[in-house]
Amino acid sequence: MTELALHTSLGVISGRLQKLFDITVSKNTLYRYIRRDRLAGGGLYLQLPHWGKRYRYDAGEPQRSAIPDRVGIEHRSDEAELKRHLVVAH
């Protein structure tokens, strides 16, 4: 974990472990290890590049919110359809 002292991201550390030592460890596993170390009173988390922020796991939910009052393209007005045909490509 000496690379943490250089503020290297865990994704990069994971890739280097794979390339140099043929050890496959995901960045999520490294985050769990650092979290356990922190709960045990360790200070590895202080060396993370963004140690003040929590790591966000992808929960499978969309990151973008829906557009309110969105109208589908099938309900496009005739005026908007006309403009689409008038636009000259560059």
C-alpha atoms as a PDB file:
ATOM      1  CA  MET A   1       0.000   0.000   0.000  1.00  0.00           C
ATOM      2  CA  THR A   2       2.942   2.338  -0.469  1.00  0.00           C
ATOM      3  CA  GLU A   3       1.291   3.629  -3.633  1.00  0.00           C
ATOM      4  CA  LEU A   4      -1.520   5.029  -1.507  1.00  0.00           C
ATOM      5  CA  ALA A   5       1.033   7.397  -0.001  1.00  0.00           C
ATOM      6  CA  LEU A   6       1.487   8.772  -3.526  1.00  0.00           C
ATOM      7  CA  HIS A   7      -2.308   9.262  -3.732  1.00  0.00           C
ATOM      8  CA  THR A   8      -2.688   6.725  -6.512  1.00  0.00           C
ATOM      9  CA  SER A   9      -6.280   5.636  -7.142  1.00  0.00           C
ATOM     10  CA  LEU A  10      -7.292   2.117  -6.185  1.00  0.00           C
ATOM     11  CA  GLY A  11      -8.242   1.335  -9.778  1.00  0.00           C
ATOM     12  CA  VAL A  12      -4.668   2.037 -10.850  1.00  0.00           C
ATOM     13  CA  ILE A  13      -3.259   0.004  -7.951  1.00  0.00           C
ATOM     14  CA  SER A  14      -5.530  -2.907  -8.892  1.00  0.00           C
ATOM     15  CA  GLY A  15      -4.299  -2.759 -12.485  1.00  0.00           C
ATOM     16  CA  ARG A  16      -0.643  -2.681 -11.423  1.00  0.00           C
ATOM     17  CA  LEU A  17      -1.098  -5.690  -9.143  1.00  0.00           C
ATOM     18  CA  GLN A  18      -2.558  -7.586 -12.095  1.00  0.00           C
ATOM     19  CA  LYS A  19       0.174  -6.549 -14.503  1.00  0.00           C
ATOM     20  CA  LEU A  20       3.243  -6.872 -12.267  1.00  0.00           C
ATOM     21  CA  PHE A  21       2.347  -9.764  -9.968  1.00  0.00           C
ATOM     22  CA  ASP A  22      -0.562 -11.481 -11.754  1.00  0.00           C
ATOM     23  CA  ILE A  23      -2.766 -10.814  -8.694  1.00  0.00           C
ATOM     24  CA  THR A  24      -6.402 -10.094  -9.471  1.00  0.00           C
ATOM     25  CA  VAL A  25      -7.964  -7.801  -6.865  1.00  0.00           C
ATOM     26  CA  SER A  26     -10.838  -5.468  -7.666  1.00  0.00           C
ATOM     27  CA  LYS A  27     -10.806  -1.858  -6.549  1.00  0.00           C
ATOM     28  CA  ASN A  28     -13.967  -2.585  -4.547  1.00  0.00           C
ATOM     29  CA  THR A  29     -12.091  -5.240  -2.560  1.00  0.00           C
ATOM     30  CA  LEU A  30      -9.347  -2.715  -1.855  1.00  0.00           C
ATOM     31  CA  TYR A  31     -11.962  -0.195  -0.658  1.00  0.00           C
ATOM     32  CA  ARG A  32     -13.454  -2.829   1.671  1.00  0.00           C
ATOM     33  CA  TYR A  33      -9.986  -3.597   3.051  1.00  0.00           C
ATOM     34  CA  ILE A  34      -9.344   0.103   3.715  1.00  0.00           C
ATOM     35  CA  ARG A  35     -12.762   0.469   5.341  1.00  0.00           C
ATOM     36  CA  ARG A  36     -12.076  -2.465   7.680  1.00  0.00           C
ATOM     37  CA  ASP A  37      -8.686  -0.955   8.482  1.00  0.00           C
ATOM     38  CA  ARG A  38     -10.360   2.354   9.326  1.00  0.00           C
ATOM     39  CA  LEU A  39     -12.928   0.711  11.594  1.00  0.00           C
ATOM     40  CA  ALA A  40     -10.042  -1.031  13.372  1.00  0.00           C
ATOM     41  CA  GLY A  41      -8.385   2.328  13.989  1.00  0.00           C
ATOM     42  CA  GLY A  42      -6.004   2.333  11.025  1.00  0.00           C
ATOM     43  CA  GLY A  43      -5.157   5.348   8.912  1.00  0.00           C
ATOM     44  CA  LEU A  44      -5.026   3.967   5.350  1.00  0.00           C
ATOM     45  CA  TYR A  45      -8.139   5.943   4.418  1.00  0.00           C
ATOM     46  CA  LEU A  46      -6.241   9.190   4.994  1.00  0.00           C
ATOM     47  CA  GLN A  47      -4.012   8.344   2.045  1.00  0.00           C
ATOM     48  CA  LEU A  48      -6.843   7.929  -0.456  1.00  0.00           C
ATOM     49  CA  PRO A  49      -6.881  10.582  -3.199  1.00  0.00           C
ATOM     50  CA  HIS A  50     -10.339  11.794  -2.096  1.00  0.00           C
ATOM     51  CA  TRP A  51     -10.447  10.557   1.468  1.00  0.00           C
ATOM     52  CA  GLY A  52     -13.113  13.021   2.576  1.00  0.00           C
ATOM     53  CA  LYS A  53     -15.678  11.558   0.206  1.00  0.00           C
ATOM     54  CA  ARG A  54     -17.375   8.200   0.445  1.00  0.00           C
ATOM     55  CA  TYR A  55     -16.912   5.736  -2.384  1.00  0.00           C
ATOM     56  CA  ARG A  56     -20.104   5.410  -4.404  1.00  0.00           C
ATOM     57  CA  TYR A  57     -21.027   1.899  -5.401  1.00  0.00           C
ATOM     58  CA  ASP A  58     -23.090   1.510  -8.536  1.00  0.00           C
ATOM     59  CA  ALA A  59     -26.486   0.456  -7.207  1.00  0.00           C
ATOM     60  CA  GLY A  60     -27.802  -0.337 -10.664  1.00  0.00           C
ATOM     61  CA  GLU A  61     -30.032   2.709 -10.643  1.00  0.00           C
ATOM     62  CA  PRO A  62     -29.860   5.265 -13.429  1.00  0.00           C
ATOM     63  CA  GLN A  63     -27.657   8.243 -12.619  1.00  0.00           C
ATOM     64  CA  ARG A  64     -29.801  10.650 -14.602  1.00  0.00           C
ATOM     65  CA  SER A  65     -33.279  11.691 -13.618  1.00  0.00           C
ATOM     66  CA  ALA A  66     -36.186  11.646 -16.037  1.00  0.00           C
ATOM     67  CA  ILE A  67     -37.049  14.836 -17.898  1.00  0.00           C
ATOM     68  CA  PRO A  68     -40.243  16.258 -16.367  1.00  0.00           C
ATOM     69  CA  ASP A  69     -43.230  16.529 -18.769  1.00  0.00           C
ATOM     70  CA  ARG A  70     -41.224  14.858 -21.543  1.00  0.00           C
ATOM     71  CA  VAL A  71     -43.057  14.516 -24.859  1.00  0.00           C
ATOM     72  CA  GLY A  72     -42.131  11.565 -27.072  1.00  0.00           C
ATOM     73  CA  ILE A  73     -40.868  12.070 -30.601  1.00  0.00           C
ATOM     74  CA  GLU A  74     -44.025  10.452 -31.965  1.00  0.00           C
ATOM     75  CA  HIS A  75     -45.930  13.504 -30.650  1.00  0.00           C
ATOM     76  CA  ARG A  76     -43.611  15.964 -32.412  1.00  0.00           C
ATOM     77  CA  SER A  77     -45.368  18.991 -33.833  1.00  0.00           C
ATOM     78  CA  ASP A  78     -45.604  19.561 -37.592  1.00  0.00           C
ATOM     79  CA  GLU A  79     -43.646  22.817 -37.197  1.00  0.00           C
ATOM     80  CA  ALA A  80     -40.716  21.039 -35.542  1.00  0.00           C
ATOM     81  CA  GLU A  81     -40.784  18.358 -38.229  1.00  0.00           C
ATOM     82  CA  LEU A  82     -40.588  21.065 -40.917  1.00  0.00           C
ATOM     83  CA  LYS A  83     -37.558  22.656 -39.235  1.00  0.00           C
ATOM     84  CA  ARG A  84     -35.760  19.317 -39.190  1.00  0.00           C
ATOM     85  CA  HIS A  85     -36.007  19.073 -42.973  1.00  0.00           C
ATOM     86  CA  LEU A  86     -34.878  22.682 -43.490  1.00  0.00           C
ATOM     87  CA  VAL A  87     -31.618  22.370 -41.558  1.00  0.00           C
ATOM     88  CA  VAL A  88     -28.624  22.272 -43.896  1.00  0.00           C
ATOM     89  CA  ALA A  89     -25.800  19.924 -42.912  1.00  0.00           C
ATOM     90  CA  HIS A  90     -22.316  21.434 -42.705  1.00  0.00           C
END
